[in-house]
Amino acid sequence: MKKLKDLLKESNIWDRKFGEKLPTLADVQKKHNEKKLTEAKIDSKTWKKMKYDIADQIDDLVKIGEDYGVFMNAKYTSKTLKKIQKLWKSL
């Protein structure tokens, strides 16, 4: 559980210049809306390359998944990685 003082340190409310007013809810919403991400257009050739690269990386992780020297909870990690691998192949 986070403490209030930690939450206050994380917020950017205190990062302001002398004499500036505290931000209002409208100010925060406006700033958030400006930061909205737009979807990138990826062609099918690029997507296929990315898909196979990620699949290869997942396969490598599955190979080392049961190694206690790499993962603290190797059995759970291996099981989870195999689920991810199965889901990824279904894409």
N, C-alpha and C. Protein backbone atom coordinates (compact mmCIF):
# COMPACT_ATOMS: atom_id res chain seq x y z
N MET A 1 0.85 -1.17 0.00
CA MET A 1 0.00 0.00 0.00
C MET A 1 0.90 1.24 0.00
N LYS A 2 0.53 2.20 -0.83
CA LYS A 2 1.32 3.42 -0.92
C LYS A 2 0.86 4.42 0.14
N LYS A 3 1.81 5.16 0.62
CA LYS A 3 1.50 6.19 1.60
C LYS A 3 1.22 7.50 0.87
N LEU A 4 0.48 8.36 1.52
CA LEU A 4 0.11 9.64 0.94
C LEU A 4 1.33 10.47 0.59
N LYS A 5 2.33 10.46 1.44
CA LYS A 5 3.52 11.28 1.16
C LYS A 5 4.23 10.78 -0.10
N ASP A 6 4.20 9.45 -0.35
CA ASP A 6 4.80 8.91 -1.57
C ASP A 6 4.01 9.35 -2.80
N LEU A 7 2.69 9.34 -2.69
CA LEU A 7 1.85 9.77 -3.82
C LEU A 7 2.08 11.25 -4.13
N LEU A 8 2.23 12.05 -3.09
CA LEU A 8 2.47 13.47 -3.31
C LEU A 8 3.82 13.71 -3.96
N LYS A 9 4.81 12.90 -3.62
CA LYS A 9 6.13 13.04 -4.24
C LYS A 9 6.08 12.68 -5.72
N GLU A 10 5.24 11.69 -6.08
CA GLU A 10 5.14 11.23 -7.46
C GLU A 10 4.42 12.23 -8.36
N SER A 11 3.49 12.98 -7.78
CA SER A 11 2.71 13.90 -8.59
C SER A 11 3.56 15.10 -8.99
N ASN A 12 3.15 15.73 -10.05
CA ASN A 12 3.90 16.88 -10.56
C ASN A 12 3.30 18.20 -10.10
N ILE A 13 2.44 18.15 -9.12
CA ILE A 13 1.80 19.37 -8.61
C ILE A 13 2.84 20.34 -8.07
N TRP A 14 3.87 19.80 -7.45
CA TRP A 14 4.84 20.66 -6.79
C TRP A 14 5.90 21.18 -7.75
N ASP A 15 5.89 20.71 -9.00
CA ASP A 15 6.84 21.20 -10.00
C ASP A 15 6.26 22.43 -10.69
N ARG A 16 6.30 23.55 -10.02
CA ARG A 16 5.78 24.78 -10.60
C ARG A 16 6.64 25.94 -10.15
N LYS A 17 6.53 27.00 -10.91
CA LYS A 17 7.33 28.18 -10.62
C LYS A 17 6.65 29.03 -9.55
N PHE A 18 7.44 29.88 -8.95
CA PHE A 18 6.91 30.75 -7.90
C PHE A 18 5.77 31.61 -8.45
N GLY A 19 4.66 31.65 -7.75
CA GLY A 19 3.54 32.47 -8.14
C GLY A 19 2.54 31.77 -9.05
N GLU A 20 2.89 30.60 -9.58
CA GLU A 20 1.95 29.86 -10.43
C GLU A 20 0.84 29.26 -9.57
N LYS A 21 -0.36 29.22 -10.13
CA LYS A 21 -1.49 28.64 -9.41
C LYS A 21 -1.43 27.12 -9.50
N LEU A 22 -2.06 26.47 -8.54
CA LEU A 22 -2.18 25.02 -8.60
C LEU A 22 -3.06 24.64 -9.78
N PRO A 23 -2.79 23.53 -10.44
CA PRO A 23 -3.61 23.14 -11.59
C PRO A 23 -5.01 22.72 -11.17
N THR A 24 -5.97 23.06 -12.02
CA THR A 24 -7.35 22.66 -11.77
C THR A 24 -7.61 21.36 -12.51
N LEU A 25 -8.76 20.76 -12.26
CA LEU A 25 -9.13 19.53 -12.95
C LEU A 25 -9.20 19.76 -14.46
N ALA A 26 -9.71 20.89 -14.87
CA ALA A 26 -9.81 21.21 -16.30
C ALA A 26 -8.42 21.30 -16.94
N ASP A 27 -7.47 21.89 -16.21
CA ASP A 27 -6.09 21.98 -16.72
C ASP A 27 -5.48 20.60 -16.91
N VAL A 28 -5.71 19.74 -15.94
CA VAL A 28 -5.15 18.39 -16.01
C VAL A 28 -5.78 17.61 -17.15
N GLN A 29 -7.10 17.73 -17.32
CA GLN A 29 -7.78 17.03 -18.41
C GLN A 29 -7.30 17.52 -19.77
N LYS A 30 -7.12 18.84 -19.90
CA LYS A 30 -6.64 19.40 -21.15
C LYS A 30 -5.25 18.88 -21.49
N LYS A 31 -4.39 18.84 -20.50
CA LYS A 31 -3.03 18.35 -20.69
C LYS A 31 -3.04 16.86 -21.06
N HIS A 32 -3.92 16.10 -20.43
CA HIS A 32 -4.03 14.67 -20.72
C HIS A 32 -4.52 14.45 -22.15
N ASN A 33 -5.49 15.21 -22.58
CA ASN A 33 -6.04 15.07 -23.94
C ASN A 33 -5.00 15.42 -25.00
N GLU A 34 -4.10 16.33 -24.69
CA GLU A 34 -3.04 16.69 -25.63
C GLU A 34 -2.05 15.56 -25.82
N LYS A 35 -1.91 14.72 -24.81
CA LYS A 35 -0.93 13.63 -24.86
C LYS A 35 -1.49 12.34 -25.44
N LYS A 36 -2.72 12.35 -25.92
CA LYS A 36 -3.33 11.13 -26.46
C LYS A 36 -2.47 10.60 -27.60
N LEU A 37 -2.31 9.28 -27.62
CA LEU A 37 -1.53 8.64 -28.66
C LEU A 37 -2.38 8.38 -29.89
N THR A 38 -1.77 8.46 -31.02
CA THR A 38 -2.46 8.12 -32.26
C THR A 38 -1.93 6.78 -32.74
N GLU A 39 -2.77 6.05 -33.42
CA GLU A 39 -2.36 4.74 -33.91
C GLU A 39 -1.40 4.88 -35.08
N ALA A 40 -0.38 4.07 -35.05
CA ALA A 40 0.58 4.06 -36.14
C ALA A 40 0.10 3.08 -37.21
N LYS A 41 0.33 3.42 -38.43
CA LYS A 41 -0.04 2.54 -39.54
C LYS A 41 1.15 1.62 -39.82
N ILE A 42 0.93 0.32 -39.70
CA ILE A 42 1.97 -0.67 -39.95
C ILE A 42 1.52 -1.53 -41.12
N ASP A 43 2.37 -1.62 -42.13
CA ASP A 43 2.01 -2.45 -43.27
C ASP A 43 2.16 -3.93 -42.90
N SER A 44 1.58 -4.80 -43.70
CA SER A 44 1.53 -6.22 -43.37
C SER A 44 2.92 -6.85 -43.38
N LYS A 45 3.81 -6.39 -44.23
CA LYS A 45 5.16 -6.95 -44.28
C LYS A 45 5.91 -6.66 -42.97
N THR A 46 5.80 -5.43 -42.48
CA THR A 46 6.44 -5.05 -41.23
C THR A 46 5.83 -5.82 -40.06
N TRP A 47 4.49 -5.96 -40.08
CA TRP A 47 3.81 -6.68 -39.01
C TRP A 47 4.26 -8.13 -38.97
N LYS A 48 4.36 -8.78 -40.11
CA LYS A 48 4.79 -10.19 -40.14
C LYS A 48 6.20 -10.34 -39.59
N LYS A 49 7.09 -9.42 -39.97
CA LYS A 49 8.47 -9.47 -39.47
C LYS A 49 8.49 -9.30 -37.96
N MET A 50 7.73 -8.33 -37.45
CA MET A 50 7.66 -8.12 -36.01
C MET A 50 7.08 -9.34 -35.30
N LYS A 51 6.05 -9.91 -35.88
CA LYS A 51 5.39 -11.07 -35.28
C LYS A 51 6.37 -12.24 -35.15
N TYR A 52 7.13 -12.52 -36.21
CA TYR A 52 8.06 -13.63 -36.17
C TYR A 52 9.24 -13.35 -35.23
N ASP A 53 9.69 -12.11 -35.17
CA ASP A 53 10.76 -11.75 -34.24
C ASP A 53 10.33 -11.96 -32.79
N ILE A 54 9.11 -11.52 -32.49
CA ILE A 54 8.60 -11.68 -31.13
C ILE A 54 8.39 -13.16 -30.82
N ALA A 55 7.88 -13.92 -31.78
CA ALA A 55 7.68 -15.35 -31.58
C ALA A 55 9.01 -16.04 -31.28
N ASP A 56 10.07 -15.65 -31.99
CA ASP A 56 11.40 -16.23 -31.73
C ASP A 56 11.87 -15.90 -30.31
N GLN A 57 11.64 -14.68 -29.88
CA GLN A 57 12.04 -14.29 -28.53
C GLN A 57 11.25 -15.05 -27.47
N ILE A 58 9.95 -15.25 -27.72
CA ILE A 58 9.13 -16.02 -26.79
C ILE A 58 9.62 -17.46 -26.74
N ASP A 59 9.95 -18.04 -27.90
CA ASP A 59 10.47 -19.41 -27.94
C ASP A 59 11.75 -19.53 -27.12
N ASP A 60 12.63 -18.53 -27.23
CA ASP A 60 13.87 -18.54 -26.45
C ASP A 60 13.57 -18.49 -24.96
N LEU A 61 12.60 -17.67 -24.57
CA LEU A 61 12.24 -17.58 -23.15
C LEU A 61 11.66 -18.89 -22.64
N VAL A 62 10.84 -19.55 -23.47
CA VAL A 62 10.26 -20.83 -23.07
C VAL A 62 11.37 -21.87 -22.85
N LYS A 63 12.41 -21.83 -23.68
CA LYS A 63 13.52 -22.78 -23.54
C LYS A 63 14.24 -22.64 -22.20
N ILE A 64 14.37 -21.40 -21.71
CA ILE A 64 15.06 -21.19 -20.44
C ILE A 64 14.10 -21.00 -19.27
N GLY A 65 12.81 -21.20 -19.52
CA GLY A 65 11.78 -20.93 -18.51
C GLY A 65 11.89 -21.73 -17.24
N GLU A 66 12.36 -22.98 -17.30
CA GLU A 66 12.43 -23.81 -16.11
C GLU A 66 13.79 -23.75 -15.42
N ASP A 67 14.61 -22.82 -15.78
CA ASP A 67 15.93 -22.68 -15.19
C ASP A 67 15.84 -21.81 -13.93
N TYR A 68 16.07 -22.44 -12.78
CA TYR A 68 16.00 -21.69 -11.52
C TYR A 68 17.11 -20.66 -11.39
N GLY A 69 18.17 -20.80 -12.17
CA GLY A 69 19.23 -19.81 -12.15
C GLY A 69 18.81 -18.51 -12.81
N VAL A 70 17.77 -18.57 -13.65
CA VAL A 70 17.29 -17.39 -14.36
C VAL A 70 16.05 -16.81 -13.69
N PHE A 71 15.09 -17.68 -13.36
CA PHE A 71 13.82 -17.23 -12.77
C PHE A 71 13.68 -17.79 -11.37
N MET A 72 13.22 -16.98 -10.44
CA MET A 72 13.07 -17.43 -9.05
C MET A 72 11.97 -18.49 -8.93
N ASN A 73 10.86 -18.30 -9.59
CA ASN A 73 9.76 -19.25 -9.55
C ASN A 73 9.66 -19.88 -10.93
N ALA A 74 10.57 -20.81 -11.22
CA ALA A 74 10.75 -21.31 -12.57
C ALA A 74 9.55 -22.10 -13.10
N LYS A 75 8.91 -22.89 -12.27
CA LYS A 75 7.77 -23.69 -12.75
C LYS A 75 6.61 -22.80 -13.18
N TYR A 76 6.29 -21.81 -12.35
CA TYR A 76 5.21 -20.89 -12.69
C TYR A 76 5.58 -20.07 -13.92
N THR A 77 6.82 -19.63 -13.98
CA THR A 77 7.28 -18.84 -15.12
C THR A 77 7.19 -19.65 -16.40
N SER A 78 7.63 -20.89 -16.34
CA SER A 78 7.59 -21.75 -17.52
C SER A 78 6.15 -21.97 -18.00
N LYS A 79 5.27 -22.22 -17.05
CA LYS A 79 3.86 -22.44 -17.38
C LYS A 79 3.25 -21.18 -18.03
N THR A 80 3.56 -20.04 -17.46
CA THR A 80 3.04 -18.77 -17.99
C THR A 80 3.61 -18.48 -19.38
N LEU A 81 4.90 -18.73 -19.57
CA LEU A 81 5.52 -18.49 -20.88
C LEU A 81 4.92 -19.41 -21.95
N LYS A 82 4.61 -20.63 -21.57
CA LYS A 82 3.99 -21.55 -22.54
C LYS A 82 2.60 -21.07 -22.93
N LYS A 83 1.86 -20.50 -21.98
CA LYS A 83 0.54 -19.92 -22.30
C LYS A 83 0.70 -18.75 -23.26
N ILE A 84 1.68 -17.90 -22.98
CA ILE A 84 1.93 -16.74 -23.86
C ILE A 84 2.30 -17.22 -25.26
N GLN A 85 3.15 -18.24 -25.32
CA GLN A 85 3.57 -18.78 -26.61
C GLN A 85 2.36 -19.30 -27.40
N LYS A 86 1.48 -20.01 -26.72
CA LYS A 86 0.28 -20.55 -27.38
C LYS A 86 -0.62 -19.42 -27.88
N LEU A 87 -0.82 -18.41 -27.04
CA LEU A 87 -1.65 -17.27 -27.44
C LEU A 87 -1.03 -16.51 -28.62
N TRP A 88 0.29 -16.33 -28.58
CA TRP A 88 0.96 -15.59 -29.64
C TRP A 88 0.84 -16.32 -30.97
N LYS A 89 0.95 -17.65 -30.94
CA LYS A 89 0.84 -18.42 -32.17
C LYS A 89 -0.57 -18.39 -32.74
N SER A 90 -1.55 -18.11 -31.90
CA SER A 90 -2.94 -18.04 -32.39
C SER A 90 -3.25 -16.72 -33.08
N LEU A 91 -2.35 -15.75 -32.99
CA LEU A 91 -2.58 -14.47 -33.67
C LEU A 91 -2.50 -14.61 -35.18
